[in-house]
Structure formats: structure tokens, C-alpha cells
Amino acid sequence: MEHRYEREYGCLILRMPRELDHHQAEILKEEADELIQNYPVRSLVFDFTDTQFMDSSGIGVIIGRCKNVRFSGGYVRAVHLNGQIQRIFQLSGLRKIIEVE
């Protein structure tokens, strides 16, 4: 697995790729599901510091991981969203289901 995550005390921070397109979304989905399944995750944080582009497949990855983490009683948030990513969160309704900082 490419080093794009941090784990600490039940918190999993996923560093989102520069371009979260269909190809990157599939890779991220597999990696995130493996981490969530193998380690106790109470808090999932999507870090968009480096992300410049995200399409609908990225939205799907985020929603799916939210369901996985919330099913076990955890919570999800997104941090460091640029203007374009904030707009995608607003238009897609992600802001209604994920805490944004």
C-alpha cells in the first residue's frame, strides 16, 4: 500500500490523492476497506490537502467508507478542502452527512 494514511488510537486519516478519479477511487476504496476491516477505526478523516480534482467515483468512495465506519459506531469528517472540493461537497450533499472542517 502506498503511504497515504496514518493510524493512531482508533483514528484513521486517509490522505486523498491529487486527482480522485475512477482509477484512484478503486485503489483508495480497496485500501481503505482493508484498513477499516483490520484495525479498530472509531474516527475516519479524509484529508484533501493535495486534492485538486474529484469526480463522482470519489464521492461514491467517501459515502461507502462513511457507511462502513458509522455501522460500527464511528464518525467521519473531511479536512483541508479547497474551493473546488468544497463546491463538490455542497452540490453532492456530502456536507449533510460528513462534518467538514
PDB file of N, CA and C in Angstrom:
ATOM      1  N   MET A   1       0.827  -1.183   0.000  1.00  0.00           N
ATOM      2  CA  MET A   1       0.000   0.000   0.000  1.00  0.00           C
ATOM      3  C   MET A   1       0.875   1.253   0.000  1.00  0.00           C
ATOM      4  N   GLU A   2       0.546   2.156  -0.856  1.00  0.00           N
ATOM      5  CA  GLU A   2       1.256   3.427  -0.903  1.00  0.00           C
ATOM      6  C   GLU A   2       0.967   4.186   0.389  1.00  0.00           C
ATOM      7  N   HIS A   3       1.966   4.857   0.924  1.00  0.00           N
ATOM      8  CA  HIS A   3       1.791   5.538   2.204  1.00  0.00           C
ATOM      9  C   HIS A   3       0.917   6.777   2.027  1.00  0.00           C
ATOM     10  N   ARG A   4      -0.380   6.592   2.226  1.00  0.00           N
ATOM     11  CA  ARG A   4      -1.333   7.686   2.124  1.00  0.00           C
ATOM     12  C   ARG A   4      -2.270   7.702   3.315  1.00  0.00           C
ATOM     13  N   TYR A   5      -1.828   7.132   4.406  1.00  0.00           N
ATOM     14  CA  TYR A   5      -2.700   7.081   5.560  1.00  0.00           C
ATOM     15  C   TYR A   5      -1.876   7.138   6.849  1.00  0.00           C
ATOM     16  N   GLU A   6      -2.566   7.458   7.926  1.00  0.00           N
ATOM     17  CA  GLU A   6      -1.978   7.421   9.269  1.00  0.00           C
ATOM     18  C   GLU A   6      -3.003   6.778  10.186  1.00  0.00           C
ATOM     19  N   ARG A   7      -2.541   5.966  11.105  1.00  0.00           N
ATOM     20  CA  ARG A   7      -3.399   5.359  12.115  1.00  0.00           C
ATOM     21  C   ARG A   7      -2.864   5.751  13.482  1.00  0.00           C
ATOM     22  N   GLU A   8      -3.772   6.154  14.349  1.00  0.00           N
ATOM     23  CA  GLU A   8      -3.354   6.497  15.704  1.00  0.00           C
ATOM     24  C   GLU A   8      -4.563   6.450  16.626  1.00  0.00           C
ATOM     25  N   TYR A   9      -4.527   5.567  17.613  1.00  0.00           N
ATOM     26  CA  TYR A   9      -5.542   5.483  18.657  1.00  0.00           C
ATOM     27  C   TYR A   9      -6.967   5.442  18.108  1.00  0.00           C
ATOM     28  N   GLY A  10      -7.239   4.574  17.173  1.00  0.00           N
ATOM     29  CA  GLY A  10      -8.587   4.429  16.640  1.00  0.00           C
ATOM     30  C   GLY A  10      -8.963   5.439  15.581  1.00  0.00           C
ATOM     31  N   CYS A  11      -8.038   6.304  15.215  1.00  0.00           N
ATOM     32  CA  CYS A  11      -8.294   7.310  14.180  1.00  0.00           C
ATOM     33  C   CYS A  11      -7.531   6.936  12.921  1.00  0.00           C
ATOM     34  N   LEU A  12      -8.219   6.909  11.801  1.00  0.00           N
ATOM     35  CA  LEU A  12      -7.602   6.640  10.514  1.00  0.00           C
ATOM     36  C   LEU A  12      -7.711   7.898   9.667  1.00  0.00           C
ATOM     37  N   ILE A  13      -6.562   8.426   9.257  1.00  0.00           N
ATOM     38  CA  ILE A  13      -6.524   9.602   8.386  1.00  0.00           C
ATOM     39  C   ILE A  13      -6.123   9.131   6.996  1.00  0.00           C
ATOM     40  N   LEU A  14      -7.009   9.342   6.022  1.00  0.00           N
ATOM     41  CA  LEU A  14      -6.728   8.988   4.635  1.00  0.00           C
ATOM     42  C   LEU A  14      -6.367  10.248   3.866  1.00  0.00           C
ATOM     43  N   ARG A  15      -5.166  10.287   3.335  1.00  0.00           N
ATOM     44  CA  ARG A  15      -4.721  11.416   2.520  1.00  0.00           C
ATOM     45  C   ARG A  15      -5.176  11.170   1.085  1.00  0.00           C
ATOM     46  N   MET A  16      -6.071  11.994   0.640  1.00  0.00           N
ATOM     47  CA  MET A  16      -6.660  11.821  -0.675  1.00  0.00           C
ATOM     48  C   MET A  16      -5.643  12.191  -1.762  1.00  0.00           C
ATOM     49  N   PRO A  17      -5.700  11.493  -2.910  1.00  0.00           N
ATOM     50  CA  PRO A  17      -4.750  11.770  -3.993  1.00  0.00           C
ATOM     51  C   PRO A  17      -5.026  13.112  -4.667  1.00  0.00           C
ATOM     52  N   ARG A  18      -4.066  13.565  -5.438  1.00  0.00           N
ATOM     53  CA  ARG A  18      -4.199  14.838  -6.161  1.00  0.00           C
ATOM     54  C   ARG A  18      -5.426  14.835  -7.067  1.00  0.00           C
ATOM     55  N   GLU A  19      -5.619  13.738  -7.785  1.00  0.00           N
ATOM     56  CA  GLU A  19      -6.787  13.579  -8.650  1.00  0.00           C
ATOM     57  C   GLU A  19      -7.540  12.328  -8.233  1.00  0.00           C
ATOM     58  N   LEU A  20      -8.744  12.518  -7.718  1.00  0.00           N
ATOM     59  CA  LEU A  20      -9.554  11.400  -7.269  1.00  0.00           C
ATOM     60  C   LEU A  20     -10.556  11.055  -8.374  1.00  0.00           C
ATOM     61  N   ASP A  21     -10.045  10.317  -9.372  1.00  0.00           N
ATOM     62  CA  ASP A  21     -10.861   9.888 -10.497  1.00  0.00           C
ATOM     63  C   ASP A  21     -11.218   8.412 -10.320  1.00  0.00           C
ATOM     64  N   HIS A  22     -11.806   7.806 -11.349  1.00  0.00           N
ATOM     65  CA  HIS A  22     -12.263   6.418 -11.268  1.00  0.00           C
ATOM     66  C   HIS A  22     -11.134   5.468 -10.878  1.00  0.00           C
ATOM     67  N   HIS A  23      -9.995   5.610 -11.513  1.00  0.00           N
ATOM     68  CA  HIS A  23      -8.864   4.704 -11.245  1.00  0.00           C
ATOM     69  C   HIS A  23      -8.386   4.844  -9.798  1.00  0.00           C
ATOM     70  N   GLN A  24      -8.141   6.064  -9.354  1.00  0.00           N
ATOM     71  CA  GLN A  24      -7.677   6.300  -7.991  1.00  0.00           C
ATOM     72  C   GLN A  24      -8.740   5.903  -6.962  1.00  0.00           C
ATOM     73  N   ALA A  25     -10.012   6.094  -7.313  1.00  0.00           N
ATOM     74  CA  ALA A  25     -11.104   5.749  -6.399  1.00  0.00           C
ATOM     75  C   ALA A  25     -11.124   4.251  -6.121  1.00  0.00           C
ATOM     76  N   GLU A  26     -10.910   3.433  -7.132  1.00  0.00           N
ATOM     77  CA  GLU A  26     -10.896   1.979  -6.940  1.00  0.00           C
ATOM     78  C   GLU A  26      -9.755   1.559  -6.011  1.00  0.00           C
ATOM     79  N   ILE A  27      -8.594   2.132  -6.219  1.00  0.00           N
ATOM     80  CA  ILE A  27      -7.433   1.815  -5.375  1.00  0.00           C
ATOM     81  C   ILE A  27      -7.701   2.254  -3.935  1.00  0.00           C
ATOM     82  N   LEU A  28      -8.186   3.473  -3.774  1.00  0.00           N
ATOM     83  CA  LEU A  28      -8.454   4.013  -2.440  1.00  0.00           C
ATOM     84  C   LEU A  28      -9.516   3.190  -1.725  1.00  0.00           C
ATOM     85  N   LYS A  29     -10.545   2.796  -2.449  1.00  0.00           N
ATOM     86  CA  LYS A  29     -11.623   2.003  -1.862  1.00  0.00           C
ATOM     87  C   LYS A  29     -11.091   0.687  -1.288  1.00  0.00           C
ATOM     88  N   GLU A  30     -10.283  -0.006  -2.066  1.00  0.00           N
ATOM     89  CA  GLU A  30      -9.725  -1.281  -1.618  1.00  0.00           C
ATOM     90  C   GLU A  30      -8.820  -1.091  -0.398  1.00  0.00           C
ATOM     91  N   GLU A  31      -7.953  -0.096  -0.453  1.00  0.00           N
ATOM     92  CA  GLU A  31      -7.023   0.152   0.647  1.00  0.00           C
ATOM     93  C   GLU A  31      -7.772   0.561   1.918  1.00  0.00           C
ATOM     94  N   ALA A  32      -8.738   1.453   1.777  1.00  0.00           N
ATOM     95  CA  ALA A  32      -9.486   1.933   2.942  1.00  0.00           C
ATOM     96  C   ALA A  32     -10.303   0.802   3.567  1.00  0.00           C
ATOM     97  N   ASP A  33     -10.951  -0.004   2.745  1.00  0.00           N
ATOM     98  CA  ASP A  33     -11.743  -1.115   3.278  1.00  0.00           C
ATOM     99  C   ASP A  33     -10.871  -2.103   4.042  1.00  0.00           C
ATOM    100  N   GLU A  34      -9.688  -2.365   3.527  1.00  0.00           N
ATOM    101  CA  GLU A  34      -8.761  -3.274   4.206  1.00  0.00           C
ATOM    102  C   GLU A  34      -8.349  -2.707   5.565  1.00  0.00           C
ATOM    103  N   LEU A  35      -8.026  -1.427   5.601  1.00  0.00           N
ATOM    104  CA  LEU A  35      -7.627  -0.787   6.860  1.00  0.00           C
ATOM    105  C   LEU A  35      -8.774  -0.762   7.874  1.00  0.00           C
ATOM    106  N   ILE A  36      -9.962  -0.422   7.416  1.00  0.00           N
ATOM    107  CA  ILE A  36     -11.125  -0.346   8.300  1.00  0.00           C
ATOM    108  C   ILE A  36     -11.466  -1.730   8.851  1.00  0.00           C
ATOM    109  N   GLN A  37     -11.314  -2.736   8.031  1.00  0.00           N
ATOM    110  CA  GLN A  37     -11.622  -4.104   8.459  1.00  0.00           C
ATOM    111  C   GLN A  37     -10.579  -4.655   9.431  1.00  0.00           C
ATOM    112  N   ASN A  38      -9.323  -4.333   9.228  1.00  0.00           N
ATOM    113  CA  ASN A  38      -8.238  -4.921  10.014  1.00  0.00           C
ATOM    114  C   ASN A  38      -7.881  -4.170  11.292  1.00  0.00           C
ATOM    115  N   TYR A  39      -8.274  -2.922  11.409  1.00  0.00           N
ATOM    116  CA  TYR A  39      -7.927  -2.125  12.577  1.00  0.00           C
ATOM    117  C   TYR A  39      -9.187  -1.474  13.141  1.00  0.00           C
ATOM    118  N   PRO A  40      -9.270  -1.323  14.451  1.00  0.00           N
ATOM    119  CA  PRO A  40     -10.449  -0.657  15.031  1.00  0.00           C
ATOM    120  C   PRO A  40     -10.433   0.835  14.687  1.00  0.00           C
ATOM    121  N   VAL A  41     -11.399   1.274  13.897  1.00  0.00           N
ATOM    122  CA  VAL A  41     -11.469   2.671  13.463  1.00  0.00           C
ATOM    123  C   VAL A  41     -12.711   3.305  14.076  1.00  0.00           C
ATOM    124  N   ARG A  42     -12.491   4.235  14.967  1.00  0.00           N
ATOM    125  CA  ARG A  42     -13.606   4.970  15.577  1.00  0.00           C
ATOM    126  C   ARG A  42     -13.811   6.312  14.881  1.00  0.00           C
ATOM    127  N   SER A  43     -12.749   6.807  14.265  1.00  0.00           N
ATOM    128  CA  SER A  43     -12.798   8.103  13.597  1.00  0.00           C
ATOM    129  C   SER A  43     -12.087   7.988  12.250  1.00  0.00           C
ATOM    130  N   LEU A  44     -12.782   8.374  11.189  1.00  0.00           N
ATOM    131  CA  LEU A  44     -12.204   8.371   9.846  1.00  0.00           C
ATOM    132  C   LEU A  44     -12.125   9.814   9.367  1.00  0.00           C
ATOM    133  N   VAL A  45     -10.924  10.220   8.950  1.00  0.00           N
ATOM    134  CA  VAL A  45     -10.707  11.590   8.478  1.00  0.00           C
ATOM    135  C   VAL A  45     -10.203  11.528   7.037  1.00  0.00           C
ATOM    136  N   PHE A  46     -10.922  12.200   6.149  1.00  0.00           N
ATOM    137  CA  PHE A  46     -10.483  12.354   4.764  1.00  0.00           C
ATOM    138  C   PHE A  46      -9.726  13.671   4.673  1.00  0.00           C
ATOM    139  N   ASP A  47      -8.440  13.616   4.340  1.00  0.00           N
ATOM    140  CA  ASP A  47      -7.600  14.804   4.251  1.00  0.00           C
ATOM    141  C   ASP A  47      -7.424  15.175   2.779  1.00  0.00           C
ATOM    142  N   PHE A  48      -7.980  16.302   2.378  1.00  0.00           N
ATOM    143  CA  PHE A  48      -7.959  16.757   0.983  1.00  0.00           C
ATOM    144  C   PHE A  48      -6.886  17.815   0.717  1.00  0.00           C
ATOM    145  N   THR A  49      -5.838  17.841   1.501  1.00  0.00           N
ATOM    146  CA  THR A  49      -4.791  18.853   1.369  1.00  0.00           C
ATOM    147  C   THR A  49      -4.258  18.940  -0.056  1.00  0.00           C
ATOM    148  N   ASP A  50      -3.969  17.816  -0.690  1.00  0.00           N
ATOM    149  CA  ASP A  50      -3.344  17.802  -2.013  1.00  0.00           C
ATOM    150  C   ASP A  50      -4.332  17.635  -3.163  1.00  0.00           C
ATOM    151  N   THR A  51      -5.609  17.464  -2.881  1.00  0.00           N
ATOM    152  CA  THR A  51      -6.591  17.128  -3.916  1.00  0.00           C
ATOM    153  C   THR A  51      -6.995  18.356  -4.721  1.00  0.00           C
ATOM    154  N   GLN A  52      -6.866  18.230  -6.031  1.00  0.00           N
ATOM    155  CA  GLN A  52      -7.250  19.297  -6.954  1.00  0.00           C
ATOM    156  C   GLN A  52      -8.495  18.946  -7.767  1.00  0.00           C
ATOM    157  N   PHE A  53      -8.783  17.643  -7.902  1.00  0.00           N
ATOM    158  CA  PHE A  53      -9.893  17.184  -8.739  1.00  0.00           C
ATOM    159  C   PHE A  53     -10.552  15.972  -8.105  1.00  0.00           C
ATOM    160  N   MET A  54     -11.882  15.939  -8.158  1.00  0.00           N
ATOM    161  CA  MET A  54     -12.620  14.765  -7.698  1.00  0.00           C
ATOM    162  C   MET A  54     -13.870  14.625  -8.554  1.00  0.00           C
ATOM    163  N   ASP A  55     -14.130  13.396  -9.025  1.00  0.00           N
ATOM    164  CA  ASP A  55     -15.341  13.164  -9.799  1.00  0.00           C
ATOM    165  C   ASP A  55     -16.329  12.329  -8.982  1.00  0.00           C
ATOM    166  N   SER A  56     -17.396  11.871  -9.616  1.00  0.00           N
ATOM    167  CA  SER A  56     -18.450  11.154  -8.899  1.00  0.00           C
ATOM    168  C   SER A  56     -17.978   9.848  -8.283  1.00  0.00           C
ATOM    169  N   SER A  57     -16.969   9.220  -8.855  1.00  0.00           N
ATOM    170  CA  SER A  57     -16.458   7.981  -8.253  1.00  0.00           C
ATOM    171  C   SER A  57     -15.802   8.269  -6.906  1.00  0.00           C
ATOM    172  N   GLY A  58     -15.213   9.427  -6.750  1.00  0.00           N
ATOM    173  CA  GLY A  58     -14.649   9.834  -5.465  1.00  0.00           C
ATOM    174  C   GLY A  58     -15.743  10.042  -4.430  1.00  0.00           C
ATOM    175  N   ILE A  59     -16.854  10.627  -4.853  1.00  0.00           N
ATOM    176  CA  ILE A  59     -17.996  10.803  -3.959  1.00  0.00           C
ATOM    177  C   ILE A  59     -18.491   9.443  -3.476  1.00  0.00           C
ATOM    178  N   GLY A  60     -18.559   8.487  -4.384  1.00  0.00           N
ATOM    179  CA  GLY A  60     -19.001   7.140  -4.028  1.00  0.00           C
ATOM    180  C   GLY A  60     -18.087   6.473  -3.013  1.00  0.00           C
ATOM    181  N   VAL A  61     -16.786   6.659  -3.177  1.00  0.00           N
ATOM    182  CA  VAL A  61     -15.825   6.086  -2.227  1.00  0.00           C
ATOM    183  C   VAL A  61     -16.058   6.670  -0.833  1.00  0.00           C
ATOM    184  N   ILE A  62     -16.249   7.956  -0.765  1.00  0.00           N
ATOM    185  CA  ILE A  62     -16.446   8.621   0.523  1.00  0.00           C
ATOM    186  C   ILE A  62     -17.731   8.128   1.196  1.00  0.00           C
ATOM    187  N   ILE A  63     -18.812   8.078   0.452  1.00  0.00           N
ATOM    188  CA  ILE A  63     -20.085   7.627   1.023  1.00  0.00           C
ATOM    189  C   ILE A  63     -19.987   6.180   1.512  1.00  0.00           C
ATOM    190  N   GLY A  64     -19.367   5.324   0.731  1.00  0.00           N
ATOM    191  CA  GLY A  64     -19.227   3.922   1.121  1.00  0.00           C
ATOM    192  C   GLY A  64     -18.418   3.732   2.385  1.00  0.00           C
ATOM    193  N   ARG A  65     -17.311   4.464   2.523  1.00  0.00           N
ATOM    194  CA  ARG A  65     -16.480   4.345   3.721  1.00  0.00           C
ATOM    195  C   ARG A  65     -17.201   4.927   4.933  1.00  0.00           C
ATOM    196  N   CYS A  66     -18.000   5.966   4.719  1.00  0.00           N
ATOM    197  CA  CYS A  66     -18.793   6.527   5.816  1.00  0.00           C
ATOM    198  C   CYS A  66     -19.746   5.475   6.375  1.00  0.00           C
ATOM    199  N   LYS A  67     -20.411   4.774   5.488  1.00  0.00           N
ATOM    200  CA  LYS A  67     -21.341   3.737   5.928  1.00  0.00           C
ATOM    201  C   LYS A  67     -20.613   2.665   6.727  1.00  0.00           C
ATOM    202  N   ASN A  68     -19.445   2.252   6.248  1.00  0.00           N
ATOM    203  CA  ASN A  68     -18.675   1.216   6.941  1.00  0.00           C
ATOM    204  C   ASN A  68     -18.290   1.644   8.347  1.00  0.00           C
ATOM    205  N   VAL A  69     -17.807   2.866   8.488  1.00  0.00           N
ATOM    206  CA  VAL A  69     -17.341   3.352   9.785  1.00  0.00           C
ATOM    207  C   VAL A  69     -18.523   3.633  10.722  1.00  0.00           C
ATOM    208  N   ARG A  70     -19.571   4.220  10.204  1.00  0.00           N
ATOM    209  CA  ARG A  70     -20.727   4.532  11.046  1.00  0.00           C
ATOM    210  C   ARG A  70     -21.450   3.275  11.507  1.00  0.00           C
ATOM    211  N   PHE A  71     -21.400   2.221  10.708  1.00  0.00           N
ATOM    212  CA  PHE A  71     -22.028   0.953  11.081  1.00  0.00           C
ATOM    213  C   PHE A  71     -21.458   0.441  12.395  1.00  0.00           C
ATOM    214  N   SER A  72     -20.178   0.709  12.632  1.00  0.00           N
ATOM    215  CA  SER A  72     -19.545   0.250  13.867  1.00  0.00           C
ATOM    216  C   SER A  72     -19.506   1.340  14.943  1.00  0.00           C
ATOM    217  N   GLY A  73     -20.274   2.410  14.742  1.00  0.00           N
ATOM    218  CA  GLY A  73     -20.384   3.446  15.760  1.00  0.00           C
ATOM    219  C   GLY A  73     -19.363   4.563  15.662  1.00  0.00           C
ATOM    220  N   GLY A  74     -18.607   4.624  14.580  1.00  0.00           N
ATOM    221  CA  GLY A  74     -17.600   5.665  14.413  1.00  0.00           C
ATOM    222  C   GLY A  74     -18.164   6.918  13.766  1.00  0.00           C
ATOM    223  N   TYR A  75     -17.308   7.921  13.589  1.00  0.00           N
ATOM    224  CA  TYR A  75     -17.717   9.145  12.911  1.00  0.00           C
ATOM    225  C   TYR A  75     -16.697   9.530  11.844  1.00  0.00           C
ATOM    226  N   VAL A  76     -17.145  10.384  10.928  1.00  0.00           N
ATOM    227  CA  VAL A  76     -16.352  10.729   9.747  1.00  0.00           C
ATOM    228  C   VAL A  76     -16.310  12.239   9.591  1.00  0.00           C
ATOM    229  N   ARG A  77     -15.147  12.735   9.155  1.00  0.00           N
ATOM    230  CA  ARG A  77     -15.028  14.160   8.841  1.00  0.00           C
ATOM    231  C   ARG A  77     -14.052  14.357   7.689  1.00  0.00           C
ATOM    232  N   ALA A  78     -14.135  15.519   7.072  1.00  0.00           N
ATOM    233  CA  ALA A  78     -13.245  15.880   5.970  1.00  0.00           C
ATOM    234  C   ALA A  78     -12.535  17.176   6.329  1.00  0.00           C
ATOM    235  N   VAL A  79     -11.244  17.246   6.004  1.00  0.00           N
ATOM    236  CA  VAL A  79     -10.454  18.428   6.345  1.00  0.00           C
ATOM    237  C   VAL A  79      -9.677  18.920   5.125  1.00  0.00           C
ATOM    238  N   HIS A  80      -9.314  20.202   5.168  1.00  0.00           N
ATOM    239  CA  HIS A  80      -8.461  20.856   4.173  1.00  0.00           C
ATOM    240  C   HIS A  80      -9.042  20.807   2.757  1.00  0.00           C
ATOM    241  N   LEU A  81     -10.308  21.140   2.628  1.00  0.00           N
ATOM    242  CA  LEU A  81     -10.948  21.176   1.318  1.00  0.00           C
ATOM    243  C   LEU A  81     -10.661  22.513   0.646  1.00  0.00           C
ATOM    244  N   ASN A  82     -10.227  22.483  -0.617  1.00  0.00           N
ATOM    245  CA  ASN A  82     -10.068  23.733  -1.358  1.00  0.00           C
ATOM    246  C   ASN A  82     -11.440  24.167  -1.879  1.00  0.00           C
ATOM    247  N   GLY A  83     -11.508  25.287  -2.560  1.00  0.00           N
ATOM    248  CA  GLY A  83     -12.781  25.818  -3.040  1.00  0.00           C
ATOM    249  C   GLY A  83     -13.540  24.868  -3.944  1.00  0.00           C
ATOM    250  N   GLN A  84     -12.836  24.216  -4.864  1.00  0.00           N
ATOM    251  CA  GLN A  84     -13.489  23.304  -5.804  1.00  0.00           C
ATOM    252  C   GLN A  84     -14.050  22.073  -5.080  1.00  0.00           C
ATOM    253  N   ILE A  85     -13.294  21.527  -4.164  1.00  0.00           N
ATOM    254  CA  ILE A  85     -13.754  20.352  -3.432  1.00  0.00           C
ATOM    255  C   ILE A  85     -14.910  20.733  -2.502  1.00  0.00           C
ATOM    256  N   GLN A  86     -14.859  21.918  -1.899  1.00  0.00           N
ATOM    257  CA  GLN A  86     -15.979  22.380  -1.074  1.00  0.00           C
ATOM    258  C   GLN A  86     -17.256  22.479  -1.901  1.00  0.00           C
ATOM    259  N   ARG A  87     -17.119  22.966  -3.106  1.00  0.00           N
ATOM    260  CA  ARG A  87     -18.281  23.091  -4.003  1.00  0.00           C
ATOM    261  C   ARG A  87     -18.852  21.714  -4.337  1.00  0.00           C
ATOM    262  N   ILE A  88     -17.995  20.751  -4.600  1.00  0.00           N
ATOM    263  CA  ILE A  88     -18.445  19.384  -4.883  1.00  0.00           C
ATOM    264  C   ILE A  88     -19.178  18.818  -3.664  1.00  0.00           C
ATOM    265  N   PHE A  89     -18.646  19.054  -2.476  1.00  0.00           N
ATOM    266  CA  PHE A  89     -19.301  18.577  -1.252  1.00  0.00           C
ATOM    267  C   PHE A  89     -20.682  19.212  -1.101  1.00  0.00           C
ATOM    268  N   GLN A  90     -20.775  20.503  -1.395  1.00  0.00           N
ATOM    269  CA  GLN A  90     -22.046  21.201  -1.266  1.00  0.00           C
ATOM    270  C   GLN A  90     -23.072  20.692  -2.283  1.00  0.00           C
ATOM    271  N   LEU A  91     -22.679  20.623  -3.555  1.00  0.00           N
ATOM    272  CA  LEU A  91     -23.603  20.221  -4.608  1.00  0.00           C
ATOM    273  C   LEU A  91     -24.029  18.765  -4.509  1.00  0.00           C
ATOM    274  N   SER A  92     -23.144  17.910  -4.023  1.00  0.00           N
ATOM    275  CA  SER A  92     -23.452  16.479  -3.939  1.00  0.00           C
ATOM    276  C   SER A  92     -24.217  16.101  -2.673  1.00  0.00           C
ATOM    277  N   GLY A  93     -24.265  17.001  -1.705  1.00  0.00           N
ATOM    278  CA  GLY A  93     -24.942  16.710  -0.448  1.00  0.00           C
ATOM    279  C   GLY A  93     -24.039  16.067   0.593  1.00  0.00           C
ATOM    280  N   LEU A  94     -22.744  15.924   0.289  1.00  0.00           N
ATOM    281  CA  LEU A  94     -21.823  15.321   1.249  1.00  0.00           C
ATOM    282  C   LEU A  94     -21.727  16.132   2.547  1.00  0.00           C
ATOM    283  N   ARG A  95     -21.915  17.442   2.453  1.00  0.00           N
ATOM    284  CA  ARG A  95     -21.835  18.278   3.656  1.00  0.00           C
ATOM    285  C   ARG A  95     -22.930  17.927   4.659  1.00  0.00           C
ATOM    286  N   LYS A  96     -24.000  17.311   4.186  1.00  0.00           N
ATOM    287  CA  LYS A  96     -25.100  16.935   5.075  1.00  0.00           C
ATOM    288  C   LYS A  96     -24.781  15.672   5.862  1.00  0.00           C
ATOM    289  N   ILE A  97     -23.855  14.854   5.357  1.00  0.00           N
ATOM    290  CA  ILE A  97     -23.573  13.582   6.031  1.00  0.00           C
ATOM    291  C   ILE A  97     -22.178  13.502   6.631  1.00  0.00           C
ATOM    292  N   ILE A  98     -21.310  14.459   6.288  1.00  0.00           N
ATOM    293  CA  ILE A  98     -19.937  14.454   6.783  1.00  0.00           C
ATOM    294  C   ILE A  98     -19.612  15.811   7.388  1.00  0.00           C
ATOM    295  N   GLU A  99     -19.003  15.784   8.548  1.00  0.00           N
ATOM    296  CA  GLU A  99     -18.530  17.002   9.185  1.00  0.00           C
ATOM    297  C   GLU A  99     -17.350  17.539   8.377  1.00  0.00           C
ATOM    298  N   VAL A 100     -17.377  18.819   8.035  1.00  0.00           N
ATOM    299  CA  VAL A 100     -16.304  19.439   7.252  1.00  0.00           C
ATOM    300  C   VAL A 100     -15.636  20.514   8.097  1.00  0.00           C
ATOM    301  N   GLU A 101     -14.308  20.440   8.137  1.00  0.00           N
ATOM    302  CA  GLU A 101     -13.534  21.433   8.890  1.00  0.00           C
ATOM    303  C   GLU A 101     -12.739  22.283   7.935  1.00  0.00           C
TER     304      GLU A 101
END
